[in-house]
């Protein structure tokens, strides 16, 4: 986990399939303009499968097997479409952030949101 998560006490997060990774990259760039010290955490809804290297991204990534419980991991990805899966994974991502980080606040954003301002009022 990136050290910026520890010092920021807040983060943004989104959930994407690897086919929508470009959206997360664009969002991360826009968020850095308004919140340079607040990370965008990207929760993956599928495996990278050598499509990209999560460690090379400008944001921390959380692999599906790290936040989706084993029993659900065996069934959910097979049952849902990619869009449905990204929506169904939201509570698991929230639980991960609550249990595995020391963040005080986080904001979920759909990956196709274009950020054009600061979120300070929402964080407060």
Protein backbone atom coordinates (compact mmCIF):
# COMPACT_ATOMS: atom_id res chain seq x y z
CA UNK A 1 0.00 0.00 0.00
CA UNK A 2 1.35 3.43 -0.91
CA UNK A 3 2.71 5.55 1.91
CA UNK A 4 0.61 8.51 0.71
CA UNK A 5 -2.44 6.63 1.99
CA UNK A 6 -1.07 6.77 5.50
CA UNK A 7 -0.33 10.49 5.47
CA UNK A 8 -3.34 11.67 3.49
CA UNK A 9 -6.10 10.27 5.75
CA UNK A 10 -8.36 10.61 2.73
CA UNK A 11 -8.56 9.09 -0.70
CA UNK A 12 -10.66 8.73 -3.79
CA UNK A 13 -11.41 5.35 -5.26
CA UNK A 14 -12.91 3.83 -8.33
CA UNK A 15 -13.52 0.32 -9.62
CA UNK A 16 -12.53 -0.61 -13.17
CA UNK A 17 -11.98 -3.51 -15.46
CA UNK A 18 -8.69 -3.48 -17.32
CA UNK A 19 -10.55 -2.37 -20.45
CA UNK A 20 -11.47 0.86 -18.65
CA UNK A 21 -8.06 1.54 -17.14
CA UNK A 22 -7.62 4.62 -19.34
CA UNK A 23 -10.54 6.23 -17.52
CA UNK A 24 -8.79 5.73 -14.17
CA UNK A 25 -5.58 7.19 -15.57
CA UNK A 26 -7.40 10.28 -16.82
CA UNK A 27 -9.25 10.67 -13.53
CA UNK A 28 -6.03 10.37 -11.55
CA UNK A 29 -4.51 13.21 -13.59
CA UNK A 30 -7.50 15.47 -13.00
CA UNK A 31 -7.64 14.67 -9.28
CA UNK A 32 -3.94 15.52 -8.89
CA UNK A 33 -4.72 19.03 -10.19
CA UNK A 34 -7.15 19.71 -7.35
CA UNK A 35 -5.92 17.33 -4.64
CA UNK A 36 -2.21 16.67 -5.25
CA UNK A 37 -1.70 14.82 -1.96
CA UNK A 38 -4.83 12.68 -2.08
CA UNK A 39 -4.46 9.32 -3.84
CA UNK A 40 -6.87 7.70 -6.21
CA UNK A 41 -7.06 4.03 -5.35
CA UNK A 42 -8.09 1.84 -8.24
CA UNK A 43 -9.85 -1.39 -7.38
CA UNK A 44 -9.58 -3.90 -10.20
CA UNK A 45 -12.66 -5.88 -11.18
CA UNK A 46 -10.63 -8.41 -13.15
CA UNK A 47 -7.06 -9.68 -13.30
CA UNK A 48 -4.37 -7.64 -15.10
CA UNK A 49 -3.36 -10.74 -17.14
CA UNK A 50 -0.24 -8.93 -18.39
CA UNK A 51 -2.48 -6.26 -19.95
CA UNK A 52 -0.70 -3.72 -17.73
CA UNK A 53 1.63 -3.66 -14.74
CA UNK A 54 -0.22 -2.40 -11.65
CA UNK A 55 3.08 -1.44 -9.99
CA UNK A 56 3.90 0.89 -12.90
CA UNK A 57 0.70 2.93 -12.54
CA UNK A 58 0.64 6.40 -10.95
CA UNK A 59 -1.93 5.20 -8.43
CA UNK A 60 -2.22 2.30 -6.00
CA UNK A 61 -4.21 -0.64 -7.31
CA UNK A 62 -6.06 -3.25 -5.32
CA UNK A 63 -6.43 -6.61 -6.97
CA UNK A 64 -9.79 -8.37 -6.95
CA UNK A 65 -8.53 -11.28 -4.85
CA UNK A 66 -7.31 -8.82 -2.19
CA UNK A 67 -10.71 -7.33 -1.43
CA UNK A 68 -13.33 -9.83 -2.56
CA UNK A 69 -13.87 -12.75 -0.16
CA UNK A 70 -12.93 -16.18 -1.50
CA UNK A 71 -16.46 -17.55 -1.81
CA UNK A 72 -17.60 -14.47 -3.70
CA UNK A 73 -14.44 -14.50 -5.80
CA UNK A 74 -15.41 -17.89 -7.12
CA UNK A 75 -18.90 -16.86 -8.24
CA UNK A 76 -19.37 -13.11 -8.73
CA UNK A 77 -17.05 -12.56 -11.71
CA UNK A 78 -18.77 -15.41 -13.56
CA UNK A 79 -22.31 -14.34 -12.71
CA UNK A 80 -22.23 -10.60 -13.51
CA UNK A 81 -21.45 -8.59 -16.61
CA UNK A 82 -18.42 -6.30 -16.25
CA UNK A 83 -20.65 -3.28 -15.55
CA UNK A 84 -22.76 -5.17 -13.00
CA UNK A 85 -19.65 -6.54 -11.31
CA UNK A 86 -18.12 -3.08 -10.88
CA UNK A 87 -21.33 -1.97 -9.18
CA UNK A 88 -21.60 -5.10 -7.04
CA UNK A 89 -18.01 -4.68 -5.82
CA UNK A 90 -18.57 -1.27 -4.21
CA UNK A 91 -19.47 -2.55 -0.72
CA UNK A 92 -16.44 -4.85 -0.71
CA UNK A 93 -14.17 -1.94 -1.63
CA UNK A 94 -15.67 0.17 1.17
CA UNK A 95 -15.12 -2.67 3.63
CA UNK A 96 -11.51 -3.03 2.44
CA UNK A 97 -10.83 0.68 2.93
CA UNK A 98 -12.35 0.60 6.42
CA UNK A 99 -10.45 -2.52 7.51
CA UNK A 100 -7.13 -2.29 5.69
CA UNK A 101 -6.28 1.43 5.71
CA UNK A 102 -6.19 4.22 8.25
CA UNK A 103 -8.17 6.54 6.00
CA UNK A 104 -10.70 8.77 7.70
CA UNK A 105 -12.55 9.76 4.54
CA UNK A 106 -12.87 8.40 1.05
CA UNK A 107 -14.98 9.25 -1.94
CA UNK A 108 -16.11 6.81 -4.59
CA UNK A 109 -16.18 8.11 -8.17
CA UNK A 110 -17.35 6.26 -11.25
CA UNK A 111 -14.35 5.89 -13.53
CA UNK A 112 -15.91 7.95 -16.31
CA UNK A 113 -16.40 11.06 -14.16
CA UNK A 114 -14.53 14.13 -15.39
CA UNK A 115 -13.20 16.02 -12.38
CA UNK A 116 -13.33 19.79 -12.83
CA UNK A 117 -13.08 21.07 -9.25
CA UNK A 118 -12.03 20.35 -5.71
CA UNK A 119 -13.92 18.07 -3.31
CA UNK A 120 -13.02 19.94 -0.14
CA UNK A 121 -16.62 20.64 0.90
CA UNK A 122 -17.53 17.00 0.37
CA UNK A 123 -14.57 15.79 2.41
CA UNK A 124 -15.47 18.15 5.25
